Amino acid sequence: MKLEEYIESVIRPKIQGDGGEVRFQAYTDGKLTLVFQGECSKCLILDRCLRWIESEVQKDLGMTVNVCAVRKKPYFWDK
């Protein structure tokens, strides 16, 4: 299974279960960039989630990644 496919089919549903949203953005040289929205965009403990994602990828895919988060709040929060 490809990393992007894994994020979309395994990690994303778990994040959505807590009211969040995650999307694959890029993977280069061991750095996995994910876009977080919904509840994730304002979460105070997102770092824990990033470490959890890293451990899940290692466990399930045997890949060592460093997850970088891009928080993207909904457009209407800026008004």
N, C-alpha and C. Protein backbone atom coordinates (compact mmCIF):
# COMPACT_ATOMS: atom_id res chain seq x y z
N MET A 1 0.85 -1.18 0.00
CA MET A 1 0.00 0.00 0.00
C MET A 1 0.89 1.24 0.00
N LYS A 2 0.57 2.19 -0.84
CA LYS A 2 1.31 3.44 -0.89
C LYS A 2 0.96 4.30 0.32
N LEU A 3 1.90 5.18 0.67
CA LEU A 3 1.74 6.04 1.84
C LEU A 3 0.49 6.92 1.73
N GLU A 4 0.28 7.54 0.57
CA GLU A 4 -0.89 8.40 0.39
C GLU A 4 -2.19 7.61 0.56
N GLU A 5 -2.21 6.42 0.01
CA GLU A 5 -3.38 5.54 0.12
C GLU A 5 -3.61 5.14 1.58
N TYR A 6 -2.53 4.87 2.31
CA TYR A 6 -2.61 4.50 3.72
C TYR A 6 -3.22 5.64 4.55
N ILE A 7 -2.75 6.86 4.31
CA ILE A 7 -3.27 8.02 5.06
C ILE A 7 -4.76 8.17 4.79
N GLU A 8 -5.16 8.07 3.53
CA GLU A 8 -6.56 8.27 3.15
C GLU A 8 -7.48 7.16 3.67
N SER A 9 -7.01 5.91 3.63
CA SER A 9 -7.90 4.79 3.96
C SER A 9 -7.81 4.30 5.40
N VAL A 10 -6.69 4.54 6.07
CA VAL A 10 -6.53 4.03 7.44
C VAL A 10 -6.53 5.15 8.48
N ILE A 11 -5.68 6.14 8.28
CA ILE A 11 -5.53 7.22 9.28
C ILE A 11 -6.72 8.19 9.23
N ARG A 12 -7.11 8.60 8.04
CA ARG A 12 -8.18 9.61 7.90
C ARG A 12 -9.48 9.23 8.60
N PRO A 13 -9.99 7.99 8.43
CA PRO A 13 -11.23 7.65 9.13
C PRO A 13 -11.12 7.74 10.65
N LYS A 14 -9.95 7.42 11.19
CA LYS A 14 -9.76 7.51 12.65
C LYS A 14 -9.76 8.96 13.10
N ILE A 15 -9.14 9.82 12.34
CA ILE A 15 -9.11 11.25 12.66
C ILE A 15 -10.52 11.84 12.54
N GLN A 16 -11.25 11.43 11.52
CA GLN A 16 -12.62 11.92 11.33
C GLN A 16 -13.52 11.50 12.48
N GLY A 17 -13.23 10.39 13.11
CA GLY A 17 -14.01 9.92 14.25
C GLY A 17 -13.98 10.88 15.42
N ASP A 18 -12.95 11.73 15.46
CA ASP A 18 -12.84 12.74 16.52
C ASP A 18 -13.21 14.13 16.03
N GLY A 19 -13.80 14.22 14.84
CA GLY A 19 -14.23 15.51 14.33
C GLY A 19 -13.17 16.25 13.53
N GLY A 20 -12.08 15.57 13.25
CA GLY A 20 -11.00 16.21 12.50
C GLY A 20 -11.01 15.79 11.04
N GLU A 21 -10.03 16.29 10.33
CA GLU A 21 -9.86 15.97 8.92
C GLU A 21 -8.38 16.03 8.61
N VAL A 22 -7.90 15.06 7.85
CA VAL A 22 -6.49 15.05 7.46
C VAL A 22 -6.40 14.66 5.99
N ARG A 23 -5.49 15.32 5.29
CA ARG A 23 -5.26 15.05 3.87
C ARG A 23 -3.76 14.95 3.62
N PHE A 24 -3.39 14.03 2.77
CA PHE A 24 -2.01 13.89 2.33
C PHE A 24 -1.65 15.09 1.46
N GLN A 25 -0.48 15.69 1.71
CA GLN A 25 -0.03 16.78 0.86
C GLN A 25 1.23 16.40 0.09
N ALA A 26 2.24 15.84 0.81
CA ALA A 26 3.49 15.51 0.13
C ALA A 26 4.31 14.54 0.98
N TYR A 27 5.20 13.83 0.30
CA TYR A 27 6.18 12.99 0.99
C TYR A 27 7.49 13.11 0.25
N THR A 28 8.51 13.66 0.92
CA THR A 28 9.82 13.85 0.32
C THR A 28 10.90 13.62 1.37
N ASP A 29 11.85 12.77 1.04
CA ASP A 29 13.01 12.53 1.90
C ASP A 29 12.65 12.23 3.36
N GLY A 30 11.65 11.39 3.57
CA GLY A 30 11.25 11.00 4.92
C GLY A 30 10.33 11.98 5.62
N LYS A 31 10.03 13.10 4.98
CA LYS A 31 9.13 14.11 5.57
C LYS A 31 7.75 13.97 4.96
N LEU A 32 6.79 13.64 5.81
CA LEU A 32 5.40 13.48 5.40
C LEU A 32 4.62 14.72 5.81
N THR A 33 4.11 15.45 4.84
CA THR A 33 3.36 16.67 5.12
C THR A 33 1.88 16.38 4.98
N LEU A 34 1.14 16.65 6.06
CA LEU A 34 -0.30 16.42 6.09
C LEU A 34 -1.01 17.72 6.40
N VAL A 35 -2.17 17.91 5.79
CA VAL A 35 -3.00 19.09 6.05
C VAL A 35 -4.10 18.68 7.01
N PHE A 36 -4.21 19.40 8.12
CA PHE A 36 -5.20 19.12 9.15
C PHE A 36 -6.26 20.21 9.15
N GLN A 37 -7.53 19.79 9.19
CA GLN A 37 -8.66 20.72 9.22
C GLN A 37 -9.65 20.26 10.29
N GLY A 38 -10.78 20.92 10.35
CA GLY A 38 -11.79 20.57 11.34
C GLY A 38 -11.27 20.80 12.74
N GLU A 39 -11.59 19.90 13.63
CA GLU A 39 -11.15 20.03 15.02
C GLU A 39 -9.62 20.01 15.13
N CYS A 40 -8.96 19.34 14.21
CA CYS A 40 -7.49 19.26 14.23
C CYS A 40 -6.84 20.63 14.05
N SER A 41 -7.50 21.52 13.33
CA SER A 41 -6.89 22.82 13.04
C SER A 41 -6.73 23.68 14.29
N LYS A 42 -7.47 23.36 15.34
CA LYS A 42 -7.37 24.14 16.58
C LYS A 42 -6.97 23.28 17.78
N CYS A 43 -6.59 22.04 17.53
CA CYS A 43 -6.26 21.11 18.61
C CYS A 43 -4.98 21.51 19.34
N LEU A 44 -5.02 21.46 20.64
CA LEU A 44 -3.87 21.82 21.46
C LEU A 44 -2.86 20.68 21.62
N ILE A 45 -3.28 19.47 21.30
CA ILE A 45 -2.38 18.32 21.45
C ILE A 45 -2.11 17.63 20.11
N LEU A 46 -2.08 18.41 19.04
CA LEU A 46 -1.84 17.84 17.72
C LEU A 46 -0.50 17.12 17.65
N ASP A 47 0.49 17.58 18.41
CA ASP A 47 1.80 16.92 18.40
C ASP A 47 1.70 15.45 18.78
N ARG A 48 0.84 15.13 19.72
CA ARG A 48 0.64 13.72 20.11
C ARG A 48 0.10 12.91 18.93
N CYS A 49 -0.80 13.50 18.20
CA CYS A 49 -1.40 12.84 17.03
C CYS A 49 -0.33 12.61 15.96
N LEU A 50 0.55 13.59 15.77
CA LEU A 50 1.61 13.44 14.78
C LEU A 50 2.53 12.27 15.14
N ARG A 51 2.88 12.17 16.40
CA ARG A 51 3.73 11.05 16.85
C ARG A 51 3.00 9.72 16.67
N TRP A 52 1.68 9.72 16.94
CA TRP A 52 0.88 8.51 16.76
C TRP A 52 0.86 8.09 15.29
N ILE A 53 0.69 9.05 14.38
CA ILE A 53 0.70 8.75 12.96
C ILE A 53 2.05 8.18 12.55
N GLU A 54 3.12 8.77 13.05
CA GLU A 54 4.46 8.25 12.74
C GLU A 54 4.61 6.80 13.19
N SER A 55 4.11 6.50 14.39
CA SER A 55 4.23 5.12 14.89
C SER A 55 3.34 4.15 14.12
N GLU A 56 2.16 4.59 13.69
CA GLU A 56 1.28 3.73 12.90
C GLU A 56 1.89 3.43 11.53
N VAL A 57 2.46 4.42 10.90
CA VAL A 57 3.12 4.22 9.60
C VAL A 57 4.27 3.25 9.76
N GLN A 58 5.06 3.42 10.82
CA GLN A 58 6.19 2.51 11.08
C GLN A 58 5.69 1.09 11.30
N LYS A 59 4.67 0.94 12.10
CA LYS A 59 4.13 -0.39 12.43
C LYS A 59 3.51 -1.07 11.21
N ASP A 60 2.69 -0.35 10.48
CA ASP A 60 1.93 -0.96 9.39
C ASP A 60 2.67 -1.02 8.05
N LEU A 61 3.50 0.00 7.77
CA LEU A 61 4.18 0.05 6.48
C LEU A 61 5.68 -0.16 6.56
N GLY A 62 6.22 -0.15 7.79
CA GLY A 62 7.66 -0.34 7.96
C GLY A 62 8.48 0.85 7.49
N MET A 63 7.86 2.02 7.44
CA MET A 63 8.54 3.24 7.00
C MET A 63 8.74 4.18 8.18
N THR A 64 9.91 4.82 8.22
CA THR A 64 10.16 5.83 9.22
C THR A 64 9.90 7.19 8.58
N VAL A 65 8.94 7.91 9.14
CA VAL A 65 8.58 9.23 8.60
C VAL A 65 8.58 10.27 9.72
N ASN A 66 8.77 11.50 9.32
CA ASN A 66 8.64 12.64 10.22
C ASN A 66 7.44 13.43 9.73
N VAL A 67 6.37 13.46 10.51
CA VAL A 67 5.14 14.12 10.08
C VAL A 67 5.21 15.61 10.38
N CYS A 68 4.93 16.39 9.36
CA CYS A 68 4.86 17.85 9.46
C CYS A 68 3.41 18.26 9.24
N ALA A 69 2.86 19.05 10.16
CA ALA A 69 1.45 19.43 10.08
C ALA A 69 1.28 20.82 9.49
N VAL A 70 0.30 20.93 8.61
CA VAL A 70 -0.15 22.22 8.10
C VAL A 70 -1.58 22.37 8.61
N ARG A 71 -1.79 23.34 9.47
CA ARG A 71 -3.15 23.57 9.99
C ARG A 71 -3.87 24.51 9.04
N LYS A 72 -5.05 24.11 8.66
CA LYS A 72 -5.84 24.94 7.74
C LYS A 72 -7.23 25.12 8.33
N LYS A 73 -7.46 26.31 8.84
CA LYS A 73 -8.76 26.56 9.45
C LYS A 73 -9.78 26.91 8.38
N PRO A 74 -11.04 26.69 8.65
CA PRO A 74 -12.08 27.04 7.68
C PRO A 74 -12.08 28.53 7.37
N TYR A 75 -12.41 28.86 6.16
CA TYR A 75 -12.40 30.26 5.72
C TYR A 75 -13.27 31.17 6.59
N PHE A 76 -14.37 30.64 7.11
CA PHE A 76 -15.29 31.49 7.87
C PHE A 76 -14.76 31.85 9.25
N TRP A 77 -13.68 31.21 9.73
CA TRP A 77 -13.08 31.59 11.01
C TRP A 77 -12.34 32.91 10.93
N ASP A 78 -12.00 33.34 9.71
CA ASP A 78 -11.26 34.59 9.54
C ASP A 78 -12.18 35.82 9.53
N LYS A 79 -13.44 35.62 9.49
CA LYS A 79 -14.38 36.74 9.37
C LYS A 79 -14.69 37.34 10.72
